[in-house]
Amino acid sequence: MRIINGIRKFFLNPIHITHKKYEALRALFIDQLDAKAVAEKFGYSIHTINAMRRDFLKALREKKIKADCFFLTYRPGRHADETKARAKEKIIRLRKQNYSILDIKSVLQTEGYAISHDYIHRVLTAEGFARLPRRTHIERKRASSKIITAPKSRPIE
């Protein structure tokens, strides 16, 4: 009996904000309780209940409401990282221009990506890129001597 009371308490007294909002809207539309009764039952103000109802109806009319705003499906495992996918495309593009791993890392850092040397190496290996041929001293110096010139300063009026 004690377990059953705990289960009933879980369903009848929601704690999670999304569960609480769902139950409040359900009480309004399915149980057809008035806003004042719902506000008292779930600890909201009557103004909040009316705003929730208004926003929910508007979202339904505009077809913007989906079940996942209340019910989330658990997906175990790693989730795809969009920034890493964009970085992967850039890594491949830069390697096709014969950039070394260090050059690729410095370009990505200037664009705001925090990608490790090891990650770049794993991407290149997985994509089937071979090591670059060893560069001569002059080629290395030429690659590292790219100086960015700043615009000339002028007085501000």
N, C-alpha and C. Protein backbone atom coordinates (compact mmCIF):
# COMPACT_ATOMS: atom_id res chain seq x y z
N MET A 1 0.83 -1.20 0.00
CA MET A 1 0.00 0.00 0.00
C MET A 1 0.87 1.27 0.00
N ARG A 2 1.99 1.17 0.72
CA ARG A 2 2.89 2.32 0.79
C ARG A 2 3.49 2.66 -0.57
N ILE A 3 3.83 1.63 -1.35
CA ILE A 3 4.37 1.83 -2.69
C ILE A 3 3.33 2.47 -3.58
N ILE A 4 2.10 2.01 -3.48
CA ILE A 4 1.02 2.56 -4.31
C ILE A 4 0.81 4.03 -4.00
N ASN A 5 0.88 4.41 -2.72
CA ASN A 5 0.74 5.83 -2.35
C ASN A 5 1.87 6.67 -2.94
N GLY A 6 3.08 6.10 -2.97
CA GLY A 6 4.21 6.80 -3.57
C GLY A 6 4.02 7.01 -5.06
N ILE A 7 3.47 5.99 -5.72
CA ILE A 7 3.21 6.09 -7.16
C ILE A 7 2.12 7.12 -7.42
N ARG A 8 1.06 7.07 -6.62
CA ARG A 8 -0.03 8.05 -6.77
C ARG A 8 0.50 9.46 -6.56
N LYS A 9 1.36 9.62 -5.56
CA LYS A 9 1.93 10.94 -5.27
C LYS A 9 2.77 11.43 -6.45
N PHE A 10 3.53 10.52 -7.07
CA PHE A 10 4.34 10.89 -8.22
C PHE A 10 3.48 11.44 -9.35
N PHE A 11 2.37 10.77 -9.65
CA PHE A 11 1.52 11.19 -10.75
C PHE A 11 0.62 12.38 -10.40
N LEU A 12 0.17 12.45 -9.17
CA LEU A 12 -0.77 13.51 -8.80
C LEU A 12 -0.10 14.79 -8.33
N ASN A 13 1.14 14.72 -7.92
CA ASN A 13 1.87 15.92 -7.47
C ASN A 13 3.17 16.07 -8.26
N PRO A 14 3.07 16.51 -9.51
CA PRO A 14 4.28 16.62 -10.34
C PRO A 14 5.26 17.64 -9.79
N ILE A 15 6.54 17.31 -9.90
CA ILE A 15 7.59 18.21 -9.43
C ILE A 15 8.30 18.85 -10.62
N HIS A 16 8.59 18.04 -11.65
CA HIS A 16 9.28 18.54 -12.83
C HIS A 16 8.40 19.57 -13.53
N ILE A 17 8.98 20.68 -13.95
CA ILE A 17 8.23 21.81 -14.51
C ILE A 17 7.43 21.41 -15.75
N THR A 18 7.99 20.57 -16.61
CA THR A 18 7.29 20.17 -17.82
C THR A 18 6.11 19.27 -17.48
N HIS A 19 6.30 18.37 -16.53
CA HIS A 19 5.21 17.49 -16.09
C HIS A 19 4.10 18.32 -15.44
N LYS A 20 4.50 19.27 -14.65
CA LYS A 20 3.54 20.14 -13.96
C LYS A 20 2.71 20.96 -14.97
N LYS A 21 3.38 21.49 -15.97
CA LYS A 21 2.69 22.28 -17.00
C LYS A 21 1.72 21.39 -17.78
N TYR A 22 2.16 20.18 -18.12
CA TYR A 22 1.30 19.25 -18.85
C TYR A 22 0.05 18.94 -18.04
N GLU A 23 0.23 18.63 -16.76
CA GLU A 23 -0.91 18.27 -15.91
C GLU A 23 -1.86 19.46 -15.73
N ALA A 24 -1.31 20.67 -15.64
CA ALA A 24 -2.16 21.86 -15.50
C ALA A 24 -2.98 22.06 -16.78
N LEU A 25 -2.36 21.95 -17.93
CA LEU A 25 -3.10 22.09 -19.19
C LEU A 25 -4.11 20.96 -19.37
N ARG A 26 -3.74 19.78 -18.94
CA ARG A 26 -4.66 18.64 -19.02
C ARG A 26 -5.87 18.87 -18.13
N ALA A 27 -5.66 19.41 -16.95
CA ALA A 27 -6.78 19.71 -16.04
C ALA A 27 -7.69 20.77 -16.65
N LEU A 28 -7.10 21.74 -17.34
CA LEU A 28 -7.92 22.79 -17.99
C LEU A 28 -8.76 22.24 -19.14
N PHE A 29 -8.13 21.47 -20.03
CA PHE A 29 -8.80 21.06 -21.25
C PHE A 29 -9.53 19.72 -21.15
N ILE A 30 -9.01 18.78 -20.42
CA ILE A 30 -9.63 17.45 -20.34
C ILE A 30 -10.59 17.36 -19.15
N ASP A 31 -10.10 17.73 -17.98
CA ASP A 31 -10.95 17.67 -16.78
C ASP A 31 -11.89 18.87 -16.71
N GLN A 32 -11.66 19.87 -17.54
CA GLN A 32 -12.45 21.09 -17.66
C GLN A 32 -12.63 21.81 -16.32
N LEU A 33 -11.54 21.87 -15.56
CA LEU A 33 -11.54 22.66 -14.33
C LEU A 33 -11.34 24.12 -14.69
N ASP A 34 -11.85 25.01 -13.85
CA ASP A 34 -11.65 26.43 -14.14
C ASP A 34 -10.23 26.84 -13.75
N ALA A 35 -9.79 27.98 -14.28
CA ALA A 35 -8.41 28.44 -14.10
C ALA A 35 -8.05 28.61 -12.63
N LYS A 36 -8.99 29.07 -11.83
CA LYS A 36 -8.71 29.29 -10.40
C LYS A 36 -8.42 27.97 -9.70
N ALA A 37 -9.21 26.93 -10.00
CA ALA A 37 -9.01 25.63 -9.37
C ALA A 37 -7.67 25.01 -9.79
N VAL A 38 -7.33 25.16 -11.05
CA VAL A 38 -6.06 24.63 -11.56
C VAL A 38 -4.89 25.37 -10.92
N ALA A 39 -5.02 26.68 -10.81
CA ALA A 39 -3.95 27.49 -10.20
C ALA A 39 -3.71 27.06 -8.75
N GLU A 40 -4.78 26.84 -8.01
CA GLU A 40 -4.63 26.41 -6.61
C GLU A 40 -4.03 25.01 -6.52
N LYS A 41 -4.48 24.12 -7.41
CA LYS A 41 -4.02 22.73 -7.36
C LYS A 41 -2.53 22.60 -7.66
N PHE A 42 -2.02 23.39 -8.62
CA PHE A 42 -0.63 23.23 -9.05
C PHE A 42 0.30 24.33 -8.56
N GLY A 43 -0.21 25.27 -7.77
CA GLY A 43 0.64 26.29 -7.19
C GLY A 43 1.03 27.41 -8.15
N TYR A 44 0.21 27.65 -9.16
CA TYR A 44 0.44 28.75 -10.09
C TYR A 44 -0.50 29.89 -9.74
N SER A 45 -0.20 31.07 -10.27
CA SER A 45 -1.17 32.16 -10.15
C SER A 45 -2.18 32.00 -11.27
N ILE A 46 -3.33 32.59 -11.11
CA ILE A 46 -4.38 32.50 -12.13
C ILE A 46 -3.93 33.15 -13.43
N HIS A 47 -3.10 34.19 -13.32
CA HIS A 47 -2.57 34.87 -14.50
C HIS A 47 -1.63 33.94 -15.29
N THR A 48 -0.85 33.16 -14.57
CA THR A 48 0.06 32.22 -15.22
C THR A 48 -0.73 31.14 -15.95
N ILE A 49 -1.78 30.64 -15.32
CA ILE A 49 -2.62 29.62 -15.94
C ILE A 49 -3.26 30.17 -17.22
N ASN A 50 -3.78 31.38 -17.15
CA ASN A 50 -4.39 31.99 -18.34
C ASN A 50 -3.35 32.21 -19.45
N ALA A 51 -2.14 32.60 -19.08
CA ALA A 51 -1.08 32.79 -20.06
C ALA A 51 -0.67 31.45 -20.68
N MET A 52 -0.58 30.40 -19.86
CA MET A 52 -0.26 29.07 -20.37
C MET A 52 -1.32 28.60 -21.36
N ARG A 53 -2.58 28.81 -21.02
CA ARG A 53 -3.68 28.41 -21.91
C ARG A 53 -3.59 29.18 -23.23
N ARG A 54 -3.40 30.51 -23.14
CA ARG A 54 -3.32 31.35 -24.33
C ARG A 54 -2.16 30.92 -25.24
N ASP A 55 -0.99 30.72 -24.65
CA ASP A 55 0.19 30.35 -25.42
C ASP A 55 0.04 28.96 -26.04
N PHE A 56 -0.57 28.04 -25.29
CA PHE A 56 -0.77 26.68 -25.79
C PHE A 56 -1.73 26.69 -26.98
N LEU A 57 -2.84 27.41 -26.86
CA LEU A 57 -3.82 27.48 -27.95
C LEU A 57 -3.22 28.15 -29.18
N LYS A 58 -2.41 29.20 -28.96
CA LYS A 58 -1.76 29.87 -30.08
C LYS A 58 -0.79 28.93 -30.79
N ALA A 59 -0.02 28.17 -30.02
CA ALA A 59 0.94 27.22 -30.60
C ALA A 59 0.20 26.12 -31.38
N LEU A 60 -0.95 25.69 -30.88
CA LEU A 60 -1.75 24.69 -31.60
C LEU A 60 -2.26 25.26 -32.92
N ARG A 61 -2.77 26.48 -32.89
CA ARG A 61 -3.29 27.11 -34.11
C ARG A 61 -2.20 27.26 -35.16
N GLU A 62 -1.01 27.61 -34.72
CA GLU A 62 0.11 27.82 -35.65
C GLU A 62 0.88 26.53 -35.94
N LYS A 63 0.39 25.43 -35.40
CA LYS A 63 1.00 24.10 -35.60
C LYS A 63 2.46 24.08 -35.17
N LYS A 64 2.76 24.77 -34.08
CA LYS A 64 4.13 24.80 -33.55
C LYS A 64 4.29 23.87 -32.35
N ILE A 65 3.21 23.28 -31.89
CA ILE A 65 3.27 22.43 -30.70
C ILE A 65 3.55 21.00 -31.12
N LYS A 66 4.46 20.37 -30.42
CA LYS A 66 4.81 18.98 -30.67
C LYS A 66 4.80 18.25 -29.33
N ALA A 67 4.66 16.95 -29.39
CA ALA A 67 4.63 16.16 -28.16
C ALA A 67 5.95 16.27 -27.40
N ASP A 68 7.07 16.52 -28.11
CA ASP A 68 8.36 16.55 -27.42
C ASP A 68 8.54 17.77 -26.53
N CYS A 69 7.60 18.72 -26.59
CA CYS A 69 7.71 19.83 -25.64
C CYS A 69 7.27 19.38 -24.24
N PHE A 70 6.55 18.25 -24.16
CA PHE A 70 6.17 17.67 -22.86
C PHE A 70 6.88 16.36 -22.58
N PHE A 71 7.04 15.54 -23.62
CA PHE A 71 7.57 14.20 -23.44
C PHE A 71 8.86 14.04 -24.24
N LEU A 72 9.94 13.82 -23.54
CA LEU A 72 11.23 13.64 -24.19
C LEU A 72 11.56 12.16 -24.26
N THR A 73 12.04 11.73 -25.39
CA THR A 73 12.43 10.34 -25.57
C THR A 73 13.90 10.22 -25.23
N TYR A 74 14.20 9.29 -24.37
CA TYR A 74 15.59 9.06 -23.95
C TYR A 74 16.33 8.35 -25.07
N ARG A 75 17.44 8.93 -25.47
CA ARG A 75 18.29 8.33 -26.49
C ARG A 75 19.65 8.08 -25.88
N PRO A 76 19.96 6.82 -25.54
CA PRO A 76 21.25 6.54 -24.92
C PRO A 76 22.38 6.69 -25.93
N GLY A 77 23.56 6.89 -25.41
CA GLY A 77 24.75 6.98 -26.25
C GLY A 77 25.13 8.42 -26.54
N ARG A 78 26.16 8.54 -27.32
CA ARG A 78 26.65 9.88 -27.68
C ARG A 78 25.72 10.53 -28.68
N HIS A 79 25.64 11.83 -28.61
CA HIS A 79 24.84 12.60 -29.54
C HIS A 79 25.76 13.35 -30.49
N ALA A 80 25.34 13.48 -31.72
CA ALA A 80 26.16 14.15 -32.73
C ALA A 80 26.38 15.61 -32.35
N ASP A 81 27.59 16.05 -32.48
CA ASP A 81 27.95 17.43 -32.18
C ASP A 81 28.06 18.19 -33.50
N GLU A 82 27.18 19.16 -33.69
CA GLU A 82 27.14 19.90 -34.96
C GLU A 82 28.43 20.68 -35.20
N THR A 83 29.02 21.22 -34.15
CA THR A 83 30.25 21.99 -34.34
C THR A 83 31.38 21.09 -34.83
N LYS A 84 31.43 19.86 -34.31
CA LYS A 84 32.47 18.94 -34.77
C LYS A 84 32.21 18.51 -36.20
N ALA A 85 30.95 18.40 -36.59
CA ALA A 85 30.64 18.04 -37.98
C ALA A 85 31.09 19.16 -38.93
N ARG A 86 30.84 20.42 -38.54
CA ARG A 86 31.31 21.55 -39.37
C ARG A 86 32.82 21.60 -39.39
N ALA A 87 33.45 21.34 -38.24
CA ALA A 87 34.91 21.35 -38.17
C ALA A 87 35.50 20.24 -39.04
N LYS A 88 34.83 19.09 -39.05
CA LYS A 88 35.30 17.97 -39.86
C LYS A 88 35.33 18.35 -41.34
N GLU A 89 34.27 19.02 -41.80
CA GLU A 89 34.23 19.46 -43.20
C GLU A 89 35.38 20.42 -43.50
N LYS A 90 35.65 21.33 -42.56
CA LYS A 90 36.72 22.30 -42.76
C LYS A 90 38.09 21.61 -42.74
N ILE A 91 38.24 20.62 -41.87
CA ILE A 91 39.51 19.88 -41.79
C ILE A 91 39.79 19.22 -43.14
N ILE A 92 38.78 18.58 -43.70
CA ILE A 92 38.95 17.89 -44.98
C ILE A 92 39.26 18.90 -46.09
N ARG A 93 38.54 20.01 -46.10
CA ARG A 93 38.76 21.04 -47.13
C ARG A 93 40.18 21.60 -47.03
N LEU A 94 40.63 21.88 -45.82
CA LEU A 94 41.97 22.43 -45.63
C LEU A 94 43.06 21.42 -46.01
N ARG A 95 42.82 20.13 -45.69
CA ARG A 95 43.82 19.12 -46.03
C ARG A 95 43.95 18.97 -47.54
N LYS A 96 42.82 19.14 -48.24
CA LYS A 96 42.87 19.06 -49.71
C LYS A 96 43.70 20.19 -50.30
N GLN A 97 43.90 21.26 -49.49
CA GLN A 97 44.76 22.37 -49.91
C GLN A 97 46.19 22.18 -49.37
N ASN A 98 46.48 20.96 -48.91
CA ASN A 98 47.81 20.57 -48.38
C ASN A 98 48.20 21.30 -47.10
N TYR A 99 47.24 21.60 -46.25
CA TYR A 99 47.56 22.17 -44.94
C TYR A 99 47.98 21.03 -44.02
N SER A 100 48.96 21.28 -43.18
CA SER A 100 49.39 20.28 -42.20
C SER A 100 48.42 20.30 -41.02
N ILE A 101 48.56 19.34 -40.13
CA ILE A 101 47.69 19.27 -38.95
C ILE A 101 47.83 20.54 -38.12
N LEU A 102 49.06 21.01 -37.94
CA LEU A 102 49.28 22.22 -37.15
C LEU A 102 48.66 23.45 -37.84
N ASP A 103 48.78 23.50 -39.16
CA ASP A 103 48.18 24.61 -39.91
C ASP A 103 46.65 24.57 -39.78
N ILE A 104 46.09 23.38 -39.91
CA ILE A 104 44.63 23.22 -39.79
C ILE A 104 44.17 23.65 -38.40
N LYS A 105 44.92 23.23 -37.39
CA LYS A 105 44.54 23.59 -36.02
C LYS A 105 44.57 25.10 -35.82
N SER A 106 45.59 25.76 -36.35
CA SER A 106 45.67 27.22 -36.17
C SER A 106 44.55 27.93 -36.92
N VAL A 107 44.18 27.45 -38.11
CA VAL A 107 43.08 28.06 -38.86
C VAL A 107 41.77 27.88 -38.10
N LEU A 108 41.54 26.67 -37.60
CA LEU A 108 40.30 26.40 -36.86
C LEU A 108 40.23 27.22 -35.57
N GLN A 109 41.37 27.40 -34.91
CA GLN A 109 41.38 28.21 -33.69
C GLN A 109 41.02 29.66 -33.99
N THR A 110 41.48 30.18 -35.10
CA THR A 110 41.13 31.56 -35.44
C THR A 110 39.64 31.70 -35.77
N GLU A 111 39.01 30.59 -36.18
CA GLU A 111 37.58 30.61 -36.47
C GLU A 111 36.74 30.24 -35.26
N GLY A 112 37.39 30.02 -34.12
CA GLY A 112 36.64 29.78 -32.88
C GLY A 112 36.41 28.33 -32.52
N TYR A 113 37.01 27.40 -33.23
CA TYR A 113 36.86 25.98 -32.91
C TYR A 113 37.93 25.56 -31.92
N ALA A 114 37.54 24.82 -30.90
CA ALA A 114 38.50 24.29 -29.93
C ALA A 114 38.69 22.81 -30.24
N ILE A 115 39.47 22.52 -31.26
CA ILE A 115 39.69 21.16 -31.74
C ILE A 115 41.12 20.74 -31.41
N SER A 116 41.26 19.52 -30.94
CA SER A 116 42.59 19.05 -30.57
C SER A 116 43.36 18.53 -31.78
N HIS A 117 44.65 18.47 -31.61
CA HIS A 117 45.56 17.93 -32.62
C HIS A 117 45.19 16.48 -32.92
N ASP A 118 44.88 15.73 -31.85
CA ASP A 118 44.53 14.32 -31.98
C ASP A 118 43.23 14.13 -32.79
N TYR A 119 42.25 14.99 -32.55
CA TYR A 119 40.98 14.89 -33.29
C TYR A 119 41.21 15.11 -34.79
N ILE A 120 42.01 16.10 -35.12
CA ILE A 120 42.31 16.38 -36.53
C ILE A 120 42.99 15.17 -37.15
N HIS A 121 43.94 14.59 -36.43
CA HIS A 121 44.65 13.40 -36.94
C HIS A 121 43.67 12.25 -37.16
N ARG A 122 42.75 12.01 -36.20
CA ARG A 122 41.78 10.92 -36.35
C ARG A 122 40.86 11.15 -37.54
N VAL A 123 40.43 12.40 -37.76
CA VAL A 123 39.57 12.70 -38.91
C VAL A 123 40.31 12.42 -40.21
N LEU A 124 41.53 12.89 -40.30
CA LEU A 124 42.31 12.70 -41.53
C LEU A 124 42.59 11.22 -41.79
N THR A 125 42.90 10.46 -40.75
CA THR A 125 43.15 9.03 -40.90
C THR A 125 41.88 8.31 -41.34
N ALA A 126 40.75 8.65 -40.71
CA ALA A 126 39.47 8.00 -41.05
C ALA A 126 39.06 8.31 -42.48
N GLU A 127 39.40 9.49 -42.97
CA GLU A 127 39.05 9.88 -44.33
C GLU A 127 40.05 9.37 -45.37
N GLY A 128 41.11 8.71 -44.91
CA GLY A 128 42.05 8.09 -45.83
C GLY A 128 43.16 8.99 -46.33
N PHE A 129 43.40 10.11 -45.67
CA PHE A 129 44.48 11.00 -46.09
C PHE A 129 45.81 10.44 -45.60
N ALA A 130 46.80 10.50 -46.47
CA ALA A 130 48.15 10.07 -46.11
C ALA A 130 48.87 11.26 -45.47
N ARG A 131 50.00 10.94 -44.85
CA ARG A 131 50.82 12.01 -44.27
C ARG A 131 51.33 12.89 -45.39
N LEU A 132 51.49 14.17 -45.10
CA LEU A 132 52.06 15.08 -46.09
C LEU A 132 53.54 14.80 -46.22
N PRO A 133 54.12 15.01 -47.40
CA PRO A 133 55.57 14.84 -47.52
C PRO A 133 56.28 15.89 -46.67
N ARG A 134 57.43 15.55 -46.19
CA ARG A 134 58.20 16.45 -45.33
C ARG A 134 58.54 17.71 -46.10
N ARG A 135 58.24 18.86 -45.46
CA ARG A 135 58.52 20.14 -46.12
C ARG A 135 59.96 20.57 -45.87
N THR A 136 60.47 21.30 -46.81
CA THR A 136 61.83 21.81 -46.66
C THR A 136 61.81 22.98 -45.67
N HIS A 137 62.99 23.37 -45.25
CA HIS A 137 63.12 24.47 -44.30
C HIS A 137 62.50 25.76 -44.87
N ILE A 138 62.72 26.01 -46.15
CA ILE A 138 62.20 27.23 -46.79
C ILE A 138 60.68 27.19 -46.84
N GLU A 139 60.09 26.02 -47.16
CA GLU A 139 58.63 25.90 -47.21
C GLU A 139 58.01 26.12 -45.84
N ARG A 140 58.66 25.57 -44.80
CA ARG A 140 58.13 25.76 -43.43
C ARG A 140 58.20 27.23 -43.04
N LYS A 141 59.30 27.89 -43.39
CA LYS A 141 59.47 29.30 -43.05
C LYS A 141 58.45 30.16 -43.79
N ARG A 142 58.22 29.85 -45.05
CA ARG A 142 57.25 30.60 -45.85
C ARG A 142 55.83 30.44 -45.27
N ALA A 143 55.50 29.23 -44.82
CA ALA A 143 54.17 28.98 -44.27
C ALA A 143 53.97 29.69 -42.93
N SER A 144 55.05 29.80 -42.15
CA SER A 144 54.91 30.43 -40.83
C SER A 144 55.05 31.94 -40.88
N SER A 145 55.50 32.50 -42.00
CA SER A 145 55.75 33.93 -42.06
C SER A 145 54.57 34.73 -42.62
N LYS A 146 53.39 34.17 -42.57
CA LYS A 146 52.22 34.90 -43.04
C LYS A 146 51.87 35.95 -42.00
N ILE A 147 52.16 37.19 -42.33
CA ILE A 147 51.93 38.30 -41.42
C ILE A 147 50.64 39.00 -41.82
N ILE A 148 49.78 39.17 -40.86
CA ILE A 148 48.52 39.87 -41.12
C ILE A 148 48.76 41.35 -40.86
N THR A 149 48.49 42.16 -41.86
CA THR A 149 48.70 43.60 -41.70
C THR A 149 47.42 44.23 -41.18
N ALA A 150 47.57 45.02 -40.15
CA ALA A 150 46.43 45.72 -39.56
C ALA A 150 46.16 46.99 -40.35
N PRO A 151 44.91 47.42 -40.36
CA PRO A 151 44.62 48.67 -41.07
C PRO A 151 45.29 49.85 -40.36
N LYS A 152 45.63 50.88 -41.13
CA LYS A 152 46.30 52.04 -40.55
C LYS A 152 45.35 52.78 -39.63
N SER A 153 45.90 53.25 -38.53
CA SER A 153 45.06 53.98 -37.58
C SER A 153 44.90 55.43 -38.03
N ARG A 154 43.81 56.00 -37.60
CA ARG A 154 43.56 57.42 -37.94
C ARG A 154 42.82 58.04 -36.77
N PRO A 155 42.90 59.35 -36.63
CA PRO A 155 42.26 60.00 -35.48
C PRO A 155 40.73 59.91 -35.59
N ILE A 156 40.11 59.81 -34.45
CA ILE A 156 38.64 59.76 -34.38
C ILE A 156 38.12 61.16 -34.14
N GLU A 157 37.09 61.50 -34.86
CA GLU A 157 36.51 62.84 -34.68
C GLU A 157 35.52 62.86 -33.54
